């Protein structure tokens, strides 16, 4: 399976590109959101690719960001949405706005996307809402943890502790989602003083 292609952008038009990799041109189907962010022809490009194999064809679908590919795969997993319709949906709505519409159950916004009717919008909300909400809470937890880590390590380094030691101790302490900076610092100082 092809997962990523990097090469020279040999051709681009709305909906598809050809990427030259060592003299071999790969035709890749892309959403409009990707097309508008591509470099000029003749420049280097790197696309995250989904390989779709059918009995009669092999198609490549490309995205600039891994998150776009993830959303494409989620859409493709909904009953009634194939890869071409998934690309069409991503062409009709930015991925962040799609995530918000699914989380809010905004059927009217989904129906405004070309190719999405009322029943398909309902199915998308039912099948994808929980997946997007789970992803959102996971991202919040990660951002909380990473900011806590940065703040705690910075404070310990400013107090004269070595960066490596501070990172190790803070990582051990800050496993809990409920960890707060004052408690983490207090425990880190206690451990580092021994």
Protein backbone atom coordinates (compact mmCIF):
# COMPACT_ATOMS: atom_id res chain seq x y z
CA UNK A 1 0.00 0.00 0.00
CA UNK A 2 1.25 3.49 -0.83
CA UNK A 3 0.95 5.77 2.23
CA UNK A 4 3.02 8.80 1.21
CA UNK A 5 4.40 10.20 -2.03
CA UNK A 6 7.08 12.88 -2.31
CA UNK A 7 8.31 14.22 -5.62
CA UNK A 8 7.97 17.00 -8.17
CA UNK A 9 4.53 18.42 -8.93
CA UNK A 10 4.34 17.69 -12.67
CA UNK A 11 0.69 18.64 -13.24
CA UNK A 12 -2.15 20.06 -11.20
CA UNK A 13 -5.79 20.82 -11.82
CA UNK A 14 -8.81 20.99 -9.55
CA UNK A 15 -9.42 17.45 -8.35
CA UNK A 16 -6.14 15.79 -9.33
CA UNK A 17 -2.38 16.09 -9.54
CA UNK A 18 0.47 14.16 -11.07
CA UNK A 19 3.54 13.78 -8.86
CA UNK A 20 6.77 12.75 -10.61
CA UNK A 21 8.80 10.41 -8.42
CA UNK A 22 12.04 9.40 -10.14
CA UNK A 23 10.52 9.54 -13.60
CA UNK A 24 7.25 7.79 -12.69
CA UNK A 25 4.13 9.99 -12.62
CA UNK A 26 1.53 9.13 -9.99
CA UNK A 27 -1.98 10.43 -10.64
CA UNK A 28 -3.53 11.38 -7.30
CA UNK A 29 -7.09 12.52 -6.66
CA UNK A 30 -7.26 15.47 -4.25
CA UNK A 31 -9.96 17.63 -2.65
CA UNK A 32 -10.15 21.31 -3.67
CA UNK A 33 -8.90 22.29 -0.21
CA UNK A 34 -5.60 20.57 -1.06
CA UNK A 35 -5.47 21.97 -4.61
CA UNK A 36 -5.54 25.58 -3.40
CA UNK A 37 -2.58 24.98 -1.06
CA UNK A 38 -0.29 23.21 -3.55
CA UNK A 39 3.03 24.73 -4.62
CA UNK A 40 3.69 25.80 -8.21
CA UNK A 41 4.25 23.11 -10.86
CA UNK A 42 7.88 22.01 -10.95
CA UNK A 43 8.26 22.40 -7.17
CA UNK A 44 8.57 19.62 -4.60
CA UNK A 45 5.45 18.26 -2.94
CA UNK A 46 4.71 15.59 -0.36
CA UNK A 47 1.25 14.04 -0.03
CA UNK A 48 -0.21 11.62 2.51
CA UNK A 49 -1.91 9.01 0.36
CA UNK A 50 -4.76 6.55 0.71
CA UNK A 51 -4.54 3.67 -1.77
CA UNK A 52 -7.97 2.49 -2.90
CA UNK A 53 -7.98 -0.86 -4.67
CA UNK A 54 -11.02 -2.12 -6.55
CA UNK A 55 -11.40 -5.04 -8.91
CA UNK A 56 -10.97 -2.83 -11.96
CA UNK A 57 -8.78 0.03 -10.72
CA UNK A 58 -6.17 1.33 -8.32
CA UNK A 59 -6.72 4.92 -7.20
CA UNK A 60 -4.62 7.19 -5.03
CA UNK A 61 -6.19 9.93 -2.88
CA UNK A 62 -3.83 12.60 -1.56
CA UNK A 63 -3.78 15.06 1.34
CA UNK A 64 -1.26 17.60 2.60
CA UNK A 65 -1.91 16.91 6.30
CA UNK A 66 -2.34 13.56 8.12
CA UNK A 67 -5.49 14.95 9.81
CA UNK A 68 -7.14 15.47 6.39
CA UNK A 69 -6.40 11.85 5.50
CA UNK A 70 -7.82 10.68 8.84
CA UNK A 71 -11.06 12.58 8.24
CA UNK A 72 -11.23 11.20 4.69
CA UNK A 73 -10.93 7.66 6.06
CA UNK A 74 -13.64 8.32 8.66
CA UNK A 75 -15.95 9.66 5.95
CA UNK A 76 -15.13 6.70 3.69
CA UNK A 77 -16.20 4.37 6.51
CA UNK A 78 -19.75 5.76 6.58
CA UNK A 79 -22.32 3.61 4.80
CA UNK A 80 -23.07 5.19 1.43
CA UNK A 81 -19.87 7.25 1.21
CA UNK A 82 -17.18 6.02 -1.13
CA UNK A 83 -13.78 7.62 -1.69
CA UNK A 84 -14.96 9.95 -4.48
CA UNK A 85 -17.85 11.30 -2.37
CA UNK A 86 -15.50 11.65 0.63
CA UNK A 87 -13.19 13.82 -1.52
CA UNK A 88 -16.22 15.77 -2.74
CA UNK A 89 -17.32 16.39 0.87
CA UNK A 90 -13.81 17.61 1.82
CA UNK A 91 -13.89 19.87 -1.26
CA UNK A 92 -17.17 21.39 -0.09
CA UNK A 93 -16.28 22.10 3.54
CA UNK A 94 -13.01 22.70 5.43
CA UNK A 95 -12.16 19.77 7.70
CA UNK A 96 -12.34 21.91 10.88
CA UNK A 97 -15.82 23.15 9.94
CA UNK A 98 -16.91 19.60 9.11
CA UNK A 99 -15.77 18.46 12.55
CA UNK A 100 -17.73 21.29 14.22
CA UNK A 101 -20.87 20.51 12.16
CA UNK A 102 -20.70 16.82 13.07
CA UNK A 103 -20.09 17.54 16.77
CA UNK A 104 -23.00 20.00 16.86
CA UNK A 105 -25.29 17.74 14.78
CA UNK A 106 -25.71 20.61 12.26
CA UNK A 107 -27.63 18.78 9.57
CA UNK A 108 -28.37 21.98 7.59
CA UNK A 109 -24.64 22.71 7.15
CA UNK A 110 -23.98 19.14 5.98
CA UNK A 111 -26.86 19.20 3.48
CA UNK A 112 -25.32 22.35 1.94
CA UNK A 113 -22.35 20.24 0.77
CA UNK A 114 -22.80 19.09 -2.87
CA UNK A 115 -23.64 15.38 -2.97
CA UNK A 116 -24.92 15.20 0.63
CA UNK A 117 -28.67 14.77 1.07
CA UNK A 118 -30.76 14.78 4.22
CA UNK A 119 -30.52 11.03 4.89
CA UNK A 120 -26.77 10.94 4.30
CA UNK A 121 -26.29 13.96 6.60
CA UNK A 122 -28.26 12.15 9.34
CA UNK A 123 -26.16 9.01 8.84
CA UNK A 124 -22.92 11.03 8.97
CA UNK A 125 -23.98 12.62 12.26
CA UNK A 126 -25.01 9.30 13.80
CA UNK A 127 -21.89 7.40 12.67
CA UNK A 128 -19.25 10.11 13.10
CA UNK A 129 -20.33 12.41 15.96
CA UNK A 130 -18.90 10.19 18.72
CA UNK A 131 -15.63 9.67 16.81
CA UNK A 132 -15.14 13.42 16.43
CA UNK A 133 -16.09 14.13 20.07
CA UNK A 134 -13.64 11.46 21.26
CA UNK A 135 -10.91 12.99 19.09
CA UNK A 136 -11.65 16.47 20.48
CA UNK A 137 -11.39 15.33 24.11
CA UNK A 138 -8.17 13.44 23.31
CA UNK A 139 -6.66 16.61 21.76
CA UNK A 140 -7.65 18.69 24.81
CA UNK A 141 -6.04 16.18 27.16
CA UNK A 142 -2.84 16.16 25.07
CA UNK A 143 -2.63 19.95 24.93
CA UNK A 144 -3.19 20.17 28.71
CA UNK A 145 -0.48 17.59 29.33
CA UNK A 146 2.05 19.13 26.96
CA UNK A 147 1.53 22.67 28.31
CA UNK A 148 1.82 21.41 31.87
CA UNK A 149 5.04 19.60 30.92
CA UNK A 150 6.53 22.72 29.29
CA UNK A 151 5.62 24.97 32.23
CA UNK A 152 6.86 22.59 34.92
CA UNK A 153 10.16 21.80 33.17
CA UNK A 154 10.78 25.50 32.51
CA UNK A 155 10.24 26.34 36.19
CA UNK A 156 12.59 23.57 37.34
CA UNK A 157 15.32 24.56 34.87
CA UNK A 158 15.02 28.17 36.07
CA UNK A 159 15.60 26.88 39.60
CA UNK A 160 18.89 25.33 38.45
CA UNK A 161 17.93 21.70 37.75
CA UNK A 162 19.16 19.97 34.59
CA UNK A 163 16.69 19.82 31.65
CA UNK A 164 16.88 16.02 31.27
CA UNK A 165 16.29 15.38 34.97
CA UNK A 166 13.40 17.85 35.06
CA UNK A 167 11.72 16.30 32.01
CA UNK A 168 12.03 12.77 33.41
CA UNK A 169 10.58 13.65 36.81
CA UNK A 170 7.74 15.78 35.40
CA UNK A 171 6.80 13.05 32.91
CA UNK A 172 6.56 10.53 35.76
CA UNK A 173 4.45 12.84 37.93
CA UNK A 174 2.13 14.34 35.31
CA UNK A 175 0.49 11.08 34.19
CA UNK A 176 -2.91 12.12 35.57
CA UNK A 177 -5.20 14.35 33.46
CA UNK A 178 -6.12 16.14 36.70
CA UNK A 179 -2.52 17.12 37.49
CA UNK A 180 -2.06 20.81 38.29
CA UNK A 181 1.16 22.80 38.00
CA UNK A 182 1.61 23.60 41.72
CA UNK A 183 1.23 19.94 42.75
CA UNK A 184 3.55 18.75 39.98
CA UNK A 185 6.22 21.29 40.97
CA UNK A 186 5.94 20.46 44.67
CA UNK A 187 6.33 16.72 44.03
CA UNK A 188 9.14 17.28 41.49
CA UNK A 189 11.08 19.43 43.98
CA UNK A 190 10.60 16.79 46.69
CA UNK A 191 11.95 14.03 44.39
CA UNK A 192 14.81 16.09 42.97
CA UNK A 193 16.03 17.13 46.43
CA UNK A 194 16.72 13.48 47.43
